[in-house]
Amino acid sequence: MEFAGKYDQLKATKVSEGIERRIVKTENLLLANVEFSDGPTSEPDPFHSHYHEQVSYIADGEVFLFVGNEEKVHLKAGDHFAIPSGIPHTIQRLTKFVRIIDCFTPIREDFL
């Protein structure tokens, strides 16, 4: 197991046009560094949910966060959010570039 990773040495996976993801993981925890260069977007992404618990940190840019039927929340660099298992959520990018650091437990096998 590697204990440290250099950002520029992590394999970038193209999720879709304008979205890249870099992964670091242990046996039970996954960190995804997700870069969005497709903003700002005029609409939120489609809602999704998963059985994984998620904690996320906005490292760069600004987004609206939508969670279930709650009011949208404006988040900017330095802010964070936590999503319990099974709760529908999404974001809308408000700036050209957004970087979000997502942590999931258990690991997201679908990201590997």
N, C-alpha and C. Protein backbone atom coordinates (compact mmCIF):
# COMPACT_ATOMS: atom_id res chain seq x y z
N MET A 1 0.85 -1.19 0.00
CA MET A 1 0.00 0.00 0.00
C MET A 1 0.88 1.23 0.00
N GLU A 2 0.52 2.22 -0.78
CA GLU A 2 1.23 3.49 -0.78
C GLU A 2 0.62 4.39 0.28
N PHE A 3 1.47 5.12 1.01
CA PHE A 3 0.99 6.00 2.06
C PHE A 3 0.88 7.44 1.61
N ALA A 4 1.49 7.79 0.50
CA ALA A 4 1.42 9.16 -0.01
C ALA A 4 1.29 9.11 -1.52
N GLY A 5 0.62 10.09 -2.05
CA GLY A 5 0.46 10.17 -3.50
C GLY A 5 0.67 11.59 -3.98
N LYS A 6 1.41 11.74 -5.04
CA LYS A 6 1.62 13.04 -5.66
C LYS A 6 0.49 13.27 -6.66
N TYR A 7 -0.12 14.43 -6.57
CA TYR A 7 -1.28 14.74 -7.42
C TYR A 7 -0.99 14.47 -8.89
N ASP A 8 0.14 14.94 -9.38
CA ASP A 8 0.44 14.80 -10.81
C ASP A 8 0.86 13.39 -11.20
N GLN A 9 0.97 12.49 -10.20
CA GLN A 9 1.29 11.10 -10.49
C GLN A 9 0.08 10.19 -10.38
N LEU A 10 -1.05 10.73 -9.90
CA LEU A 10 -2.27 9.94 -9.82
C LEU A 10 -2.92 9.85 -11.19
N LYS A 11 -3.43 8.69 -11.52
CA LYS A 11 -4.09 8.49 -12.82
C LYS A 11 -5.39 9.28 -12.84
N ALA A 12 -5.55 10.10 -13.87
CA ALA A 12 -6.79 10.87 -14.05
C ALA A 12 -7.75 10.05 -14.91
N THR A 13 -8.97 9.91 -14.44
CA THR A 13 -10.02 9.24 -15.19
C THR A 13 -11.00 10.28 -15.70
N LYS A 14 -11.24 10.28 -17.02
CA LYS A 14 -12.21 11.20 -17.59
C LYS A 14 -13.60 10.63 -17.33
N VAL A 15 -14.38 11.32 -16.49
CA VAL A 15 -15.73 10.89 -16.15
C VAL A 15 -16.68 11.25 -17.29
N SER A 16 -16.56 12.46 -17.80
CA SER A 16 -17.30 12.94 -18.97
C SER A 16 -16.58 14.19 -19.44
N GLU A 17 -17.09 14.80 -20.48
CA GLU A 17 -16.44 16.00 -21.01
C GLU A 17 -16.38 17.07 -19.92
N GLY A 18 -15.16 17.52 -19.58
CA GLY A 18 -14.99 18.56 -18.59
C GLY A 18 -14.96 18.08 -17.15
N ILE A 19 -14.95 16.76 -16.92
CA ILE A 19 -14.91 16.22 -15.55
C ILE A 19 -13.86 15.13 -15.46
N GLU A 20 -12.88 15.31 -14.54
CA GLU A 20 -11.84 14.31 -14.30
C GLU A 20 -11.82 13.94 -12.83
N ARG A 21 -11.41 12.70 -12.55
CA ARG A 21 -11.37 12.21 -11.17
C ARG A 21 -10.04 11.48 -10.93
N ARG A 22 -9.44 11.75 -9.77
CA ARG A 22 -8.25 11.04 -9.31
C ARG A 22 -8.59 10.39 -7.98
N ILE A 23 -8.15 9.15 -7.80
CA ILE A 23 -8.57 8.32 -6.66
C ILE A 23 -7.38 7.94 -5.78
N VAL A 24 -7.62 7.96 -4.48
CA VAL A 24 -6.73 7.37 -3.48
C VAL A 24 -7.63 6.56 -2.56
N LYS A 25 -7.19 5.34 -2.16
CA LYS A 25 -8.08 4.52 -1.34
C LYS A 25 -7.31 3.64 -0.38
N THR A 26 -8.03 3.22 0.63
CA THR A 26 -7.58 2.16 1.52
C THR A 26 -8.58 1.02 1.35
N GLU A 27 -8.58 0.08 2.26
CA GLU A 27 -9.52 -1.04 2.16
C GLU A 27 -10.97 -0.61 2.36
N ASN A 28 -11.21 0.43 3.20
CA ASN A 28 -12.56 0.81 3.56
C ASN A 28 -12.94 2.25 3.25
N LEU A 29 -12.02 3.04 2.72
CA LEU A 29 -12.26 4.47 2.49
C LEU A 29 -11.69 4.87 1.15
N LEU A 30 -12.45 5.70 0.42
CA LEU A 30 -12.00 6.17 -0.89
C LEU A 30 -12.09 7.69 -0.91
N LEU A 31 -11.02 8.34 -1.39
CA LEU A 31 -10.99 9.78 -1.60
C LEU A 31 -10.93 10.02 -3.10
N ALA A 32 -11.83 10.85 -3.58
CA ALA A 32 -11.86 11.20 -5.00
C ALA A 32 -11.65 12.70 -5.14
N ASN A 33 -10.64 13.08 -5.89
CA ASN A 33 -10.37 14.47 -6.20
C ASN A 33 -11.03 14.71 -7.56
N VAL A 34 -12.14 15.43 -7.56
CA VAL A 34 -12.93 15.60 -8.79
C VAL A 34 -12.79 17.04 -9.28
N GLU A 35 -12.36 17.19 -10.53
CA GLU A 35 -12.20 18.50 -11.15
C GLU A 35 -13.24 18.68 -12.24
N PHE A 36 -13.97 19.77 -12.13
CA PHE A 36 -14.99 20.13 -13.12
C PHE A 36 -14.49 21.39 -13.83
N SER A 37 -14.35 21.33 -15.15
CA SER A 37 -13.93 22.50 -15.93
C SER A 37 -15.00 22.87 -16.95
N ASP A 38 -16.23 22.45 -16.67
CA ASP A 38 -17.34 22.64 -17.62
C ASP A 38 -18.35 23.67 -17.14
N GLY A 39 -18.01 24.47 -16.16
CA GLY A 39 -18.97 25.41 -15.60
C GLY A 39 -18.86 26.78 -16.23
N PRO A 40 -19.72 27.68 -15.81
CA PRO A 40 -20.86 27.38 -14.95
C PRO A 40 -21.94 26.62 -15.72
N THR A 41 -22.73 25.85 -15.00
CA THR A 41 -23.81 25.09 -15.63
C THR A 41 -25.14 25.79 -15.38
N SER A 42 -26.04 25.71 -16.34
CA SER A 42 -27.32 26.42 -16.24
C SER A 42 -28.34 25.66 -15.41
N GLU A 43 -28.12 24.37 -15.23
CA GLU A 43 -29.04 23.53 -14.45
C GLU A 43 -28.22 22.61 -13.55
N PRO A 44 -28.84 22.12 -12.47
CA PRO A 44 -28.15 21.12 -11.65
C PRO A 44 -27.96 19.81 -12.41
N ASP A 45 -26.95 19.04 -12.03
CA ASP A 45 -26.81 17.68 -12.55
C ASP A 45 -28.01 16.87 -12.07
N PRO A 46 -28.28 15.73 -12.69
CA PRO A 46 -29.39 14.88 -12.21
C PRO A 46 -29.12 14.40 -10.77
N PHE A 47 -30.19 14.30 -9.99
CA PHE A 47 -30.06 13.76 -8.64
C PHE A 47 -29.59 12.31 -8.72
N HIS A 48 -28.84 11.89 -7.71
CA HIS A 48 -28.40 10.50 -7.59
C HIS A 48 -28.30 10.16 -6.11
N SER A 49 -28.25 8.89 -5.80
CA SER A 49 -28.01 8.46 -4.43
C SER A 49 -27.22 7.16 -4.48
N HIS A 50 -26.63 6.81 -3.35
CA HIS A 50 -25.83 5.59 -3.25
C HIS A 50 -25.81 5.16 -1.79
N TYR A 51 -25.46 3.90 -1.55
CA TYR A 51 -25.45 3.40 -0.18
C TYR A 51 -24.22 3.84 0.59
N HIS A 52 -23.26 4.46 -0.08
CA HIS A 52 -22.05 4.93 0.58
C HIS A 52 -22.34 6.20 1.37
N GLU A 53 -21.67 6.37 2.52
CA GLU A 53 -21.67 7.64 3.21
C GLU A 53 -20.65 8.52 2.51
N GLN A 54 -20.95 9.82 2.44
CA GLN A 54 -20.09 10.74 1.70
C GLN A 54 -19.85 12.00 2.51
N VAL A 55 -18.59 12.42 2.56
CA VAL A 55 -18.21 13.72 3.12
C VAL A 55 -17.38 14.41 2.04
N SER A 56 -17.70 15.68 1.76
CA SER A 56 -17.04 16.37 0.65
C SER A 56 -16.58 17.76 1.08
N TYR A 57 -15.48 18.19 0.47
CA TYR A 57 -14.86 19.49 0.72
C TYR A 57 -14.75 20.24 -0.60
N ILE A 58 -15.21 21.48 -0.62
CA ILE A 58 -15.08 22.31 -1.82
C ILE A 58 -13.70 22.95 -1.76
N ALA A 59 -12.79 22.49 -2.61
CA ALA A 59 -11.42 22.99 -2.62
C ALA A 59 -11.26 24.23 -3.49
N ASP A 60 -12.12 24.34 -4.51
CA ASP A 60 -12.01 25.47 -5.43
C ASP A 60 -13.36 25.67 -6.10
N GLY A 61 -13.72 26.93 -6.36
CA GLY A 61 -14.95 27.24 -7.07
C GLY A 61 -16.16 27.38 -6.16
N GLU A 62 -17.34 27.44 -6.80
CA GLU A 62 -18.60 27.61 -6.09
C GLU A 62 -19.67 26.72 -6.71
N VAL A 63 -20.54 26.18 -5.87
CA VAL A 63 -21.63 25.32 -6.32
C VAL A 63 -22.90 25.62 -5.52
N PHE A 64 -24.02 25.21 -6.08
CA PHE A 64 -25.23 25.03 -5.30
C PHE A 64 -25.29 23.54 -4.97
N LEU A 65 -25.60 23.21 -3.74
CA LEU A 65 -25.80 21.83 -3.32
C LEU A 65 -27.29 21.63 -3.11
N PHE A 66 -27.82 20.55 -3.68
CA PHE A 66 -29.21 20.16 -3.53
C PHE A 66 -29.24 18.81 -2.83
N VAL A 67 -29.99 18.71 -1.75
CA VAL A 67 -30.10 17.46 -0.99
C VAL A 67 -31.57 17.20 -0.70
N GLY A 68 -32.08 16.10 -1.26
CA GLY A 68 -33.49 15.75 -1.04
C GLY A 68 -34.41 16.91 -1.37
N ASN A 69 -35.34 17.20 -0.48
CA ASN A 69 -36.30 18.30 -0.67
C ASN A 69 -35.88 19.57 0.04
N GLU A 70 -34.65 19.61 0.55
CA GLU A 70 -34.15 20.78 1.26
C GLU A 70 -33.91 21.94 0.28
N GLU A 71 -33.85 23.15 0.82
CA GLU A 71 -33.48 24.32 0.01
C GLU A 71 -32.04 24.16 -0.46
N LYS A 72 -31.74 24.65 -1.67
CA LYS A 72 -30.36 24.59 -2.16
C LYS A 72 -29.47 25.43 -1.25
N VAL A 73 -28.19 25.04 -1.18
CA VAL A 73 -27.21 25.73 -0.35
C VAL A 73 -26.06 26.19 -1.24
N HIS A 74 -25.68 27.45 -1.10
CA HIS A 74 -24.54 27.99 -1.85
C HIS A 74 -23.26 27.66 -1.09
N LEU A 75 -22.33 26.94 -1.73
CA LEU A 75 -21.06 26.56 -1.12
C LEU A 75 -19.91 27.09 -1.95
N LYS A 76 -18.84 27.50 -1.27
CA LYS A 76 -17.64 28.01 -1.95
C LYS A 76 -16.41 27.36 -1.35
N ALA A 77 -15.25 27.63 -1.94
CA ALA A 77 -14.00 27.03 -1.47
C ALA A 77 -13.87 27.17 0.04
N GLY A 78 -13.55 26.05 0.69
CA GLY A 78 -13.42 26.01 2.13
C GLY A 78 -14.63 25.41 2.83
N ASP A 79 -15.77 25.33 2.12
CA ASP A 79 -16.99 24.75 2.70
C ASP A 79 -17.00 23.24 2.50
N HIS A 80 -17.90 22.58 3.21
CA HIS A 80 -18.00 21.13 3.12
C HIS A 80 -19.45 20.69 3.28
N PHE A 81 -19.70 19.42 2.96
CA PHE A 81 -21.03 18.84 3.17
C PHE A 81 -20.90 17.36 3.46
N ALA A 82 -21.95 16.79 4.05
CA ALA A 82 -21.98 15.36 4.38
C ALA A 82 -23.32 14.80 3.92
N ILE A 83 -23.28 13.66 3.25
CA ILE A 83 -24.48 13.02 2.71
C ILE A 83 -24.60 11.63 3.31
N PRO A 84 -25.66 11.35 4.08
CA PRO A 84 -25.87 10.00 4.60
C PRO A 84 -26.22 9.02 3.47
N SER A 85 -26.10 7.78 3.75
CA SER A 85 -26.43 6.72 2.81
C SER A 85 -27.86 6.86 2.30
N GLY A 86 -28.04 6.72 0.97
CA GLY A 86 -29.36 6.65 0.37
C GLY A 86 -30.08 7.97 0.16
N ILE A 87 -29.47 9.10 0.45
CA ILE A 87 -30.13 10.41 0.31
C ILE A 87 -29.84 10.99 -1.08
N PRO A 88 -30.89 11.33 -1.87
CA PRO A 88 -30.67 11.93 -3.19
C PRO A 88 -29.99 13.31 -3.06
N HIS A 89 -29.03 13.56 -3.94
CA HIS A 89 -28.29 14.82 -3.90
C HIS A 89 -27.67 15.12 -5.26
N THR A 90 -27.30 16.38 -5.45
CA THR A 90 -26.61 16.80 -6.67
C THR A 90 -26.00 18.18 -6.46
N ILE A 91 -25.26 18.64 -7.46
CA ILE A 91 -24.71 20.00 -7.43
C ILE A 91 -25.00 20.70 -8.75
N GLN A 92 -24.86 22.02 -8.70
CA GLN A 92 -24.85 22.85 -9.90
C GLN A 92 -23.61 23.73 -9.79
N ARG A 93 -22.76 23.70 -10.81
CA ARG A 93 -21.53 24.47 -10.79
C ARG A 93 -21.81 25.93 -11.14
N LEU A 94 -21.27 26.83 -10.32
CA LEU A 94 -21.50 28.26 -10.50
C LEU A 94 -20.29 28.99 -11.08
N THR A 95 -19.14 28.32 -11.11
CA THR A 95 -17.92 28.90 -11.64
C THR A 95 -17.35 28.00 -12.73
N LYS A 96 -16.46 28.55 -13.54
CA LYS A 96 -15.88 27.78 -14.64
C LYS A 96 -15.18 26.53 -14.13
N PHE A 97 -14.43 26.66 -13.03
CA PHE A 97 -13.67 25.54 -12.48
C PHE A 97 -14.15 25.26 -11.06
N VAL A 98 -14.37 23.97 -10.77
CA VAL A 98 -14.75 23.52 -9.43
C VAL A 98 -13.91 22.29 -9.12
N ARG A 99 -13.36 22.24 -7.91
CA ARG A 99 -12.66 21.04 -7.44
C ARG A 99 -13.31 20.62 -6.13
N ILE A 100 -13.78 19.37 -6.08
CA ILE A 100 -14.40 18.83 -4.88
C ILE A 100 -13.62 17.59 -4.47
N ILE A 101 -13.32 17.50 -3.18
CA ILE A 101 -12.66 16.34 -2.61
C ILE A 101 -13.75 15.52 -1.92
N ASP A 102 -14.08 14.36 -2.48
CA ASP A 102 -15.13 13.48 -1.96
C ASP A 102 -14.49 12.31 -1.22
N CYS A 103 -15.02 11.99 -0.05
CA CYS A 103 -14.60 10.79 0.69
C CYS A 103 -15.82 9.88 0.84
N PHE A 104 -15.62 8.60 0.56
CA PHE A 104 -16.71 7.62 0.61
C PHE A 104 -16.31 6.42 1.46
N THR A 105 -17.27 5.93 2.23
CA THR A 105 -17.13 4.65 2.90
C THR A 105 -18.45 3.91 2.80
N PRO A 106 -18.45 2.63 2.46
CA PRO A 106 -17.29 1.87 1.99
C PRO A 106 -16.81 2.42 0.64
N ILE A 107 -15.71 1.88 0.14
CA ILE A 107 -15.16 2.40 -1.11
C ILE A 107 -16.16 2.26 -2.25
N ARG A 108 -16.09 3.16 -3.20
CA ARG A 108 -16.95 3.13 -4.39
C ARG A 108 -16.29 2.23 -5.42
N GLU A 109 -16.70 0.96 -5.44
CA GLU A 109 -16.16 0.02 -6.42
C GLU A 109 -16.42 0.50 -7.84
N ASP A 110 -17.54 1.23 -8.07
CA ASP A 110 -17.87 1.72 -9.40
C ASP A 110 -16.90 2.81 -9.87
N PHE A 111 -16.09 3.36 -8.97
CA PHE A 111 -15.10 4.37 -9.35
C PHE A 111 -13.77 3.74 -9.76
N LEU A 112 -13.59 2.46 -9.46
CA LEU A 112 -12.30 1.82 -9.70
C LEU A 112 -12.21 1.24 -11.10
